[in-house]
Amino acid sequence: MLATYADDASIANALRAARLFIGEATMKTHVNNTFADIGAQHRREAVRYA
């Protein structure tokens, strides 16, 4: 999931979810959990981590 942010951080969660064949709410949950795991508060920090 984090790789989708490294590719292009400006893509909306809805488009990321569609590309991964999951729902938008599921995508948001994955994003929030991943950000918490790596200690990122913003997409920019997550991309830097990736």
Protein backbone atom coordinates (compact mmCIF):
# COMPACT_ATOMS: atom_id res chain seq x y z
CA MET A 1 0.00 0.00 0.00
CA LEU A 2 2.78 2.41 0.87
CA ALA A 3 4.27 1.86 -2.58
CA THR A 4 1.19 3.51 -4.11
CA TYR A 5 2.13 6.69 -2.24
CA ALA A 6 5.74 6.52 -3.37
CA ASP A 7 4.56 6.35 -7.00
CA ASP A 8 2.41 9.49 -6.81
CA ALA A 9 1.41 11.12 -3.53
CA SER A 10 -1.21 13.35 -5.16
CA ILE A 11 -3.60 10.53 -6.18
CA ALA A 12 -6.84 10.45 -4.18
CA ASN A 13 -7.62 7.52 -1.91
CA ALA A 14 -10.63 6.62 -4.07
CA LEU A 15 -8.40 6.09 -7.11
CA ARG A 16 -5.84 4.13 -5.08
CA ALA A 17 -8.63 1.91 -3.77
CA ALA A 18 -9.95 1.29 -7.27
CA ARG A 19 -6.48 0.30 -8.48
CA LEU A 20 -6.16 -2.18 -5.61
CA PHE A 21 -9.75 -3.49 -6.03
CA ILE A 22 -10.76 -2.52 -2.48
CA GLY A 23 -13.29 -0.07 -1.07
CA GLU A 24 -12.39 3.53 -0.26
CA ALA A 25 -13.14 3.02 3.45
CA THR A 26 -10.80 0.01 3.48
CA MET A 27 -8.13 2.11 1.80
CA LYS A 28 -8.49 4.86 4.39
CA THR A 29 -8.17 2.30 7.17
CA HIS A 30 -5.00 0.89 5.62
CA VAL A 31 -3.59 4.40 5.17
CA ASN A 32 -4.31 5.37 8.78
CA ASN A 33 -2.85 2.12 10.13
CA THR A 34 0.27 2.42 7.99
CA PHE A 35 0.81 6.05 8.98
CA ALA A 36 0.49 5.07 12.64
CA ASP A 37 2.94 2.18 12.20
CA ILE A 38 5.63 4.38 10.68
CA GLY A 39 4.89 7.43 12.80
CA ALA A 40 3.84 9.62 9.84
CA GLN A 41 1.22 12.31 10.22
CA HIS A 42 1.11 13.40 6.56
CA ARG A 43 1.46 11.81 3.14
CA ARG A 44 4.70 13.69 2.62
CA GLU A 45 6.25 11.95 5.64
CA ALA A 46 5.03 8.55 4.42
CA VAL A 47 6.56 9.13 1.00
CA ARG A 48 9.84 10.13 2.60
CA TYR A 49 9.73 6.89 4.62
CA ALA A 50 9.01 4.80 1.52
